[in-house]
Protein backbone atom coordinates (compact mmCIF):
# COMPACT_ATOMS: atom_id res chain seq x y z
CA MET A 1 55.41 -105.01 87.32
CA PHE A 2 54.37 -107.31 84.46
CA SER A 3 55.70 -110.39 86.27
CA SER A 4 53.65 -109.50 89.36
CA ILE A 5 50.48 -109.18 87.28
CA LEU A 6 51.17 -112.61 85.77
CA ALA A 7 51.66 -114.02 89.28
CA ARG A 8 48.31 -112.54 90.32
CA GLU A 9 46.60 -114.09 87.29
CA ALA A 10 48.17 -117.46 88.09
CA GLY A 11 46.96 -117.28 91.68
CA ALA A 12 50.40 -116.99 93.26
CA LEU A 13 49.52 -113.53 94.64
CA ASP A 14 46.20 -112.44 96.08
CA SER A 15 44.79 -108.96 95.50
CA TYR A 16 45.88 -107.68 98.93
CA GLU A 17 49.50 -108.79 98.41
CA LEU A 18 49.57 -107.25 94.93
CA GLU A 19 48.21 -103.96 96.27
CA ASN A 20 50.85 -103.84 99.01
CA TRP A 21 53.58 -104.74 96.52
CA VAL A 22 52.56 -101.94 94.15
CA ARG A 23 52.37 -99.45 97.02
CA LEU A 24 55.84 -100.45 98.25
CA LYS A 25 57.28 -100.09 94.75
CA ARG A 26 55.66 -96.69 94.32
CA VAL A 27 57.00 -95.43 97.64
CA ASN A 28 60.54 -96.69 96.95
CA GLY A 29 60.62 -95.96 93.22
CA TRP A 30 60.51 -92.16 93.11
CA ARG A 31 63.40 -90.73 91.10
CA ALA A 32 64.28 -87.31 89.70
CA ARG A 33 63.70 -87.62 85.93
CA LYS A 34 63.48 -84.02 84.72
CA ARG A 35 65.47 -81.01 85.77
CA TYR A 36 64.85 -77.42 84.71
CA ASN A 37 66.67 -74.24 85.64
CA THR A 38 64.32 -71.28 85.76
CA VAL A 39 67.07 -69.01 87.15
CA LYS A 40 64.47 -66.99 89.07
CA GLU A 41 62.55 -68.00 92.17
CA PRO A 42 58.91 -68.75 91.26
CA GLN A 43 56.12 -67.34 93.39
CA CYS A 44 53.56 -69.98 92.39
CA LEU A 45 53.25 -73.23 90.43
CA ALA A 46 50.22 -74.88 88.80
CA VAL A 47 49.84 -78.11 86.79
CA ASP A 48 47.03 -78.29 84.23
CA SER A 49 44.27 -80.77 85.05
CA SER A 50 43.44 -81.80 81.46
CA ASP A 51 46.46 -84.00 80.68
CA GLY A 52 49.14 -82.88 83.17
CA ARG A 53 51.39 -81.66 80.38
CA PHE A 54 51.77 -77.92 81.00
CA LEU A 55 53.26 -76.13 83.99
CA LEU A 56 52.38 -72.54 84.82
CA LEU A 57 54.96 -70.65 86.85
CA GLY A 58 54.50 -67.14 88.20
CA PHE A 59 57.46 -64.87 88.88
CA ARG A 60 57.99 -61.24 89.68
CA GLN A 61 56.82 -59.19 86.66
CA GLU A 62 56.29 -62.25 84.41
CA PHE A 63 54.97 -65.79 84.06
CA SER A 64 56.03 -68.84 82.03
CA ILE A 65 54.30 -71.89 80.55
CA ILE A 66 56.48 -75.00 80.29
CA ASP A 67 55.89 -78.23 78.38
CA ALA A 68 56.63 -80.94 80.95
CA THR A 69 56.81 -83.75 78.38
CA SER A 70 60.29 -82.71 77.23
CA ASN A 71 63.47 -83.30 79.19
CA PRO A 72 65.72 -80.30 78.60
CA ARG A 73 68.86 -79.11 80.30
CA ASP A 74 67.53 -75.56 80.31
CA VAL A 75 64.01 -74.27 80.73
CA SER A 76 64.21 -72.20 77.52
CA MET A 77 64.21 -75.38 75.40
CA SER A 78 60.72 -76.40 76.53
CA GLN A 79 59.34 -73.00 77.41
CA ILE A 80 56.27 -72.29 75.32
CA CYS A 81 56.00 -68.67 76.33
CA GLN A 82 57.40 -66.11 78.72
CA GLN A 83 55.13 -63.14 79.12
CA HIS A 84 56.10 -59.93 80.88
CA LEU A 85 53.48 -58.02 82.80
CA SER A 86 53.08 -54.28 83.01
CA PRO A 87 53.74 -52.28 85.05
CA ARG A 88 57.06 -53.67 86.19
CA THR A 89 55.97 -53.58 89.83
CA CYS A 90 53.58 -56.52 89.23
CA ILE A 91 54.08 -59.78 91.12
CA VAL A 92 52.23 -62.99 90.24
CA LEU A 93 51.19 -64.30 93.65
CA ASP A 94 48.93 -67.18 92.57
CA ALA A 95 48.13 -69.09 89.37
CA LEU A 96 45.27 -71.39 88.47
CA TRP A 97 44.43 -73.44 85.37
CA TYR A 98 40.82 -73.64 84.23
CA PRO A 99 39.59 -77.11 85.34
CA GLY A 100 39.74 -79.71 82.58
CA ASP A 101 40.96 -77.29 79.89
CA PHE A 102 44.25 -75.45 79.46
CA ALA A 103 42.72 -72.85 77.10
CA LEU A 104 42.30 -70.44 80.04
CA PHE A 105 44.25 -69.70 83.17
CA LEU A 106 43.93 -67.21 85.98
CA LEU A 107 46.61 -65.09 87.62
CA GLY A 108 46.42 -63.34 90.96
CA VAL A 109 48.55 -60.23 90.46
CA SER A 110 49.74 -57.70 93.03
CA ARG A 111 50.60 -54.19 91.83
CA GLN A 112 51.28 -52.35 95.07
CA PRO A 113 50.99 -53.40 98.70
CA GLY A 114 47.29 -54.05 99.21
CA GLU A 115 46.38 -53.51 95.55
CA GLY A 116 45.94 -56.09 92.82
CA ASP A 117 43.52 -57.95 90.58
CA VAL A 118 42.60 -61.31 89.10
CA GLN A 119 43.49 -61.64 85.42
CA ILE A 120 41.88 -64.14 83.04
CA TRP A 121 44.23 -65.14 80.19
CA ASP A 122 43.68 -66.91 76.88
CA THR A 123 46.39 -69.53 76.40
CA ASP A 124 46.24 -69.60 72.59
CA ARG A 125 46.50 -65.86 72.03
CA LEU A 126 48.38 -65.08 75.25
CA GLN A 127 46.15 -62.12 75.89
CA CYS A 128 44.51 -60.94 79.07
CA GLU A 129 40.76 -61.20 78.43
CA SER A 130 39.54 -59.66 81.66
CA ARG A 131 40.71 -57.98 84.85
CA ILE A 132 38.73 -57.90 88.09
CA ALA A 133 39.96 -55.62 90.87
CA THR A 134 40.12 -57.62 94.10
CA GLY A 135 43.10 -56.29 96.00
CA GLU A 136 46.27 -58.25 96.71
CA VAL A 137 45.37 -61.92 96.12
CA SER A 138 46.50 -64.44 98.73
CA ALA A 139 44.65 -67.59 97.55
CA MET A 140 42.47 -68.87 94.68
CA SER A 141 40.56 -72.09 94.08
CA MET A 142 38.08 -73.46 91.56
CA SER A 143 35.95 -76.61 91.71
CA MET A 144 37.19 -79.52 89.59
CA CYS A 145 33.81 -81.26 89.51
CA SER A 146 31.50 -78.30 89.01
CA SER A 147 28.61 -78.64 86.56
CA SER A 148 26.30 -75.86 87.76
CA HIS A 149 28.59 -72.90 88.45
CA GLU A 150 31.90 -71.34 87.44
CA LEU A 151 32.83 -69.73 90.72
CA VAL A 152 36.38 -68.87 91.71
CA ALA A 153 36.95 -68.56 95.45
CA ILE A 154 39.36 -65.70 96.20
CA GLY A 155 41.06 -64.54 99.35
CA SER A 156 42.52 -61.05 99.05
CA ALA A 157 43.29 -57.88 100.94
CA GLY A 158 40.37 -56.15 99.23
CA PHE A 159 37.89 -58.55 100.82
CA GLY A 160 39.40 -58.30 104.30
CA ASN A 161 38.38 -61.32 106.37
CA SER A 162 35.80 -62.42 103.79
CA ILE A 163 35.96 -64.90 100.92
CA GLY A 164 35.02 -63.49 97.52
CA LEU A 165 33.22 -65.69 94.99
CA LEU A 166 34.03 -64.55 91.46
CA ASP A 167 31.59 -65.63 88.74
CA LEU A 168 33.49 -66.11 85.47
CA ASN A 169 30.28 -65.92 83.43
CA ALA A 170 29.39 -62.50 84.83
CA GLY A 171 32.98 -61.30 85.19
CA ALA A 172 32.31 -59.90 88.66
CA VAL A 173 32.19 -60.90 92.31
CA ALA A 174 28.87 -62.67 92.92
CA GLN A 175 28.92 -62.70 96.73
CA LYS A 176 31.11 -62.73 99.81
CA LEU A 177 31.30 -65.25 102.63
CA ASP A 178 31.73 -63.48 105.97
CA GLY A 179 32.88 -65.15 109.16
CA GLN A 180 36.64 -65.65 108.95
CA ASN A 181 38.54 -64.42 111.99
CA GLY A 182 41.50 -63.22 109.94
CA PRO A 183 42.78 -62.82 106.37
CA VAL A 184 42.30 -65.87 104.13
CA LYS A 185 45.57 -67.63 103.25
CA SER A 186 44.44 -70.90 101.61
CA LEU A 187 41.37 -72.24 99.79
CA ALA A 188 40.33 -75.62 98.39
CA PHE A 189 37.14 -76.97 96.82
CA SER A 190 36.01 -80.51 97.55
CA PRO A 191 36.72 -83.00 94.70
CA GLU A 192 33.30 -84.62 95.21
CA ASP A 193 30.96 -81.76 96.20
CA GLU A 194 31.09 -78.69 93.97
CA HIS A 195 29.51 -76.48 96.65
CA LEU A 196 31.86 -77.39 99.51
CA LEU A 197 34.79 -75.01 100.11
CA ALA A 198 37.51 -75.17 102.77
CA ALA A 199 39.27 -72.00 103.90
CA GLY A 200 42.32 -71.47 106.10
CA GLY A 201 43.13 -68.19 107.80
CA ALA A 202 46.19 -66.31 108.95
CA ASP A 203 45.14 -66.93 112.55
CA GLY A 204 45.30 -70.72 112.11
CA SER A 205 41.56 -71.29 111.72
CA VAL A 206 40.09 -73.81 109.24
CA GLN A 207 36.45 -73.59 108.22
CA LEU A 208 34.13 -75.38 105.81
CA TRP A 209 31.71 -73.34 103.68
CA ASP A 210 28.67 -73.96 101.49
CA VAL A 211 28.90 -71.55 98.55
CA ARG A 212 25.15 -71.78 97.89
CA LYS A 213 24.48 -69.83 101.09
CA ALA A 214 25.43 -66.28 101.99
CA GLY A 215 27.09 -64.59 104.95
CA ARG A 216 27.83 -66.39 108.20
CA ALA A 217 25.11 -68.97 107.51
CA ALA A 218 27.37 -70.45 104.82
CA CYS A 219 29.86 -71.74 107.43
CA VAL A 220 28.93 -75.38 108.03
CA GLN A 221 31.96 -76.50 110.06
CA THR A 222 34.75 -74.96 112.16
CA PHE A 223 37.64 -77.27 112.95
CA ASP A 224 39.36 -77.24 116.33
CA SER A 225 42.59 -79.13 117.05
CA SER A 226 41.56 -79.66 120.69
CA LYS A 227 38.75 -81.96 119.51
CA ARG A 228 40.30 -85.31 118.68
CA GLU A 229 38.67 -88.52 117.53
CA ASP A 230 39.78 -90.36 120.67
CA THR A 231 38.49 -87.64 123.04
CA ALA A 232 35.20 -88.29 124.87
CA VAL A 233 33.44 -86.92 127.95
CA ILE A 234 32.91 -89.75 130.44
CA GLY A 235 30.36 -89.29 133.21
CA ASP A 236 30.56 -92.73 134.82
CA VAL A 237 33.85 -93.78 136.38
CA VAL A 238 34.51 -97.51 136.69
CA THR A 239 36.32 -98.46 139.89
CA GLY A 240 37.23 -101.74 141.56
CA TYR A 241 34.00 -101.68 143.53
CA GLY A 242 31.69 -101.07 140.58
CA SER A 243 30.50 -98.05 138.66
CA LYS A 244 29.71 -94.77 140.35
CA ARG A 245 29.14 -91.22 139.19
CA ARG A 246 31.50 -88.52 140.34
CA SER A 247 30.48 -84.91 140.58
CA TRP A 248 32.68 -81.90 141.01
CA LYS A 249 32.39 -78.18 140.53
CA ARG A 250 34.11 -77.04 137.36
CA LYS A 251 35.76 -73.68 137.17
CA ARG A 252 34.60 -71.40 134.41
CA LYS A 253 37.30 -71.09 131.76
CA PRO A 254 37.72 -68.05 129.54
CA TYR A 255 36.34 -68.37 126.03
CA ARG A 256 38.87 -69.58 123.49
CA GLN A 257 38.36 -69.08 119.79
CA PRO A 258 38.41 -72.48 118.00
CA SER A 259 41.65 -72.87 116.08
CA ALA A 260 43.06 -75.68 113.98
CA HIS A 261 46.69 -74.52 113.98
CA ALA A 262 48.12 -72.84 117.04
CA ASP A 263 51.52 -72.19 115.44
CA GLY A 264 50.44 -69.71 112.76
CA ALA A 265 48.77 -69.38 109.39
CA VAL A 266 47.36 -72.26 107.35
CA SER A 267 49.57 -72.30 104.26
CA LYS A 268 47.75 -75.02 102.32
CA LEU A 269 44.52 -77.04 102.26
CA LEU A 270 44.10 -80.34 100.44
CA PHE A 271 41.21 -82.76 100.14
CA ALA A 272 42.01 -86.46 100.05
CA PRO A 273 40.56 -88.41 97.09
CA GLY A 274 36.93 -89.10 97.89
CA GLY A 275 36.48 -85.79 99.71
CA ARG A 276 35.93 -87.35 103.15
CA TYR A 277 39.13 -86.07 104.75
CA LEU A 278 40.73 -82.63 104.69
CA LEU A 279 44.45 -82.02 105.18
CA SER A 280 45.53 -78.66 106.57
CA VAL A 281 49.19 -77.65 106.47
CA GLY A 282 50.58 -75.12 108.92
CA VAL A 283 54.01 -73.76 109.66
CA HIS A 284 55.39 -76.88 111.35
CA ALA A 285 52.55 -79.41 111.47
CA MET A 286 49.74 -81.04 109.48
CA TYR A 287 46.28 -82.07 110.62
CA THR A 288 43.83 -84.48 109.01
CA TRP A 289 40.15 -83.71 109.59
CA ASP A 290 36.98 -85.71 109.17
CA ILE A 291 34.63 -83.23 107.46
CA LEU A 292 31.52 -85.11 108.64
CA SER A 293 32.30 -85.12 112.36
CA GLY A 294 34.68 -82.15 112.42
CA LEU A 295 37.19 -84.11 114.51
CA CYS A 296 40.96 -84.29 114.08
CA VAL A 297 41.88 -87.85 113.12
CA SER A 298 45.67 -87.45 112.87
CA HIS A 299 48.45 -84.99 113.60
CA SER A 300 51.75 -85.14 111.70
CA THR A 301 55.04 -83.31 112.07
CA PHE A 302 57.94 -83.07 109.68
CA PRO A 303 61.55 -82.50 110.78
CA VAL A 304 62.57 -79.17 109.26
CA ARG A 305 66.09 -77.87 109.68
CA ASN A 306 65.17 -74.26 108.91
CA ARG A 307 62.09 -73.26 110.87
CA HIS A 308 61.72 -70.00 108.95
CA PHE A 309 60.12 -71.85 106.01
CA ALA A 310 56.65 -73.35 106.17
CA LEU A 311 55.77 -76.86 105.03
CA ASN A 312 54.47 -77.59 101.55
CA ALA A 313 52.30 -80.59 100.73
CA ALA A 314 51.01 -82.35 97.64
CA VAL A 315 48.52 -85.21 97.47
CA SER A 316 49.23 -88.01 95.04
CA MET A 317 46.71 -89.93 92.92
CA ASP A 318 46.91 -92.76 95.42
CA GLN A 319 44.26 -92.97 98.11
CA ASP A 320 46.35 -92.16 101.17
CA LEU A 321 49.85 -91.01 100.16
CA ILE A 322 50.94 -87.46 100.93
CA TYR A 323 54.19 -85.86 99.77
CA VAL A 324 55.52 -83.15 102.05
CA SER A 325 58.53 -80.88 101.63
CA GLY A 326 60.37 -79.13 104.41
CA GLY A 327 63.73 -77.51 103.83
CA MET A 328 65.57 -79.48 101.12
CA ASP A 329 63.84 -82.81 101.82
CA VAL A 330 60.66 -84.43 100.50
CA GLY A 331 58.98 -87.05 102.67
CA ILE A 332 56.18 -89.54 102.02
CA PHE A 333 53.39 -89.78 104.59
CA GLU A 334 50.52 -92.19 104.99
CA LEU A 335 47.26 -90.29 105.42
CA PHE A 336 46.76 -91.33 109.06
CA GLU A 337 50.41 -91.65 110.11
CA SER A 338 52.30 -89.07 112.16
CA LEU A 339 55.80 -89.72 110.81
CA PRO A 340 57.10 -89.99 107.23
CA THR A 341 57.39 -93.47 105.74
CA ARG A 342 60.29 -92.64 103.48
CA TYR A 343 62.31 -89.69 102.14
CA PHE A 344 63.15 -88.85 98.55
CA GLU A 345 66.78 -88.87 97.54
CA ARG A 346 67.98 -85.31 98.10
CA GLN A 347 68.36 -83.46 94.81
CA HIS A 348 67.80 -79.83 95.83
CA PHE A 349 70.60 -77.71 97.26
CA ALA A 350 68.28 -74.94 98.45
CA SER A 351 65.06 -74.89 100.44
CA ILE A 352 62.05 -76.13 98.49
CA ALA A 353 59.53 -73.34 97.98
CA LEU A 354 56.79 -75.07 95.94
CA LEU A 355 55.52 -78.63 95.59
CA GLU A 356 52.70 -79.76 93.29
CA SER A 357 51.48 -83.11 91.98
CA SER A 358 49.96 -83.76 88.58
CA PRO A 359 46.27 -84.77 88.80
CA ILE A 360 46.61 -86.91 85.66
CA THR A 361 50.13 -88.35 85.40
CA GLU A 362 52.23 -90.05 88.06
CA GLU A 363 54.52 -87.06 88.46
CA LEU A 364 55.50 -84.62 91.17
CA TYR A 365 57.15 -81.22 90.70
CA SER A 366 59.28 -79.35 93.23
CA VAL A 367 60.88 -75.90 92.92
CA ASP A 368 63.52 -74.54 95.26
CA ARG A 369 64.31 -70.93 96.11
CA GLU A 370 67.16 -70.78 93.60
CA GLY A 371 64.78 -71.51 90.71
CA GLU A 372 65.60 -75.18 90.07
CA LEU A 373 62.53 -77.23 89.08
CA ILE A 374 62.68 -81.03 89.35
CA GLY A 375 60.11 -83.48 87.98
CA TRP A 376 59.80 -86.71 89.97
CA THR A 377 58.33 -89.95 88.61
CA SER A 378 57.65 -93.31 90.24
CA ASN A 379 59.07 -96.06 88.03
CA LEU A 380 57.19 -99.37 88.14
CA GLU A 381 58.40 -100.65 84.79
CA GLY A 382 60.51 -103.75 84.57
CA SER A 383 59.68 -104.89 88.11
């Protein structure tokens, strides 16, 4: 890496060649550096956004906070805490660090089928400061760039097909966004606009919301996979004898509800850096959307050996690199490419359940269904 920078300073490499060289090294340089054994299968994984040091894992009846800077053989050597929840029927379904500060974190806890709450925890004292009854939580998201509100978007069984906006200052649900066609399965705030929220449903729908508005008026965009960027309605047909207009009688088609994913629920939503493009991950496919036009700009598939498990995706700090797991493999996608550029060296011996990238450090974390957590780093040193 240092020799390439010297070559750029000497004029032997231009900026475009250096950028491509760094990208190639990053794609080919991913290695498994850290390996933890959590024994149990985690239900959720979150990386803190302040310095990327702490990992929050949710299990059945308990959660754990892990220091990712150490490199242990066993998770107990770096485990800061392991807290059991009561009653014993609790399941941590989702976890979320407070943006920019690891002093607080949120847990979406299920007690019984259809019942649950959102718990706000103090990291220093390891105490639950507040509980808000919401029903069984399916998704949570909080804006990383917010300066005017502290809203937590929640999808849960208690809200039905609506999105609940929890105000942390008031400790209660401020309002609900109505208009989803099914239960909410994934949520994501825009990294550039603190009021822009994307929501994915169990019916495969993807919608864009403005949290400043209320009710159905808050929906500003509904994405439809049948609307592609290269699709246009042409009225004039050019023939060998010039241009003429054709007319025909169209048959009336039955109304079809707009849907982004026809193969099932939207398991994950991710905004690309810059907030212009939205990535939606379904059971077997991914779509990239232009949030300004509402059109689908790319469609990607990932070869999965076991079709019973949905895809998982994580966006890197780079502008257009996406890391996707399916089965025991992790592939690297370009943002607008339909096939993976490269695969990671296989290190998992069970299907990967969770995949998250650190927003600060150049690290990626994957957890399989047998509880093995692997930290991946891209090594550019000494090149």
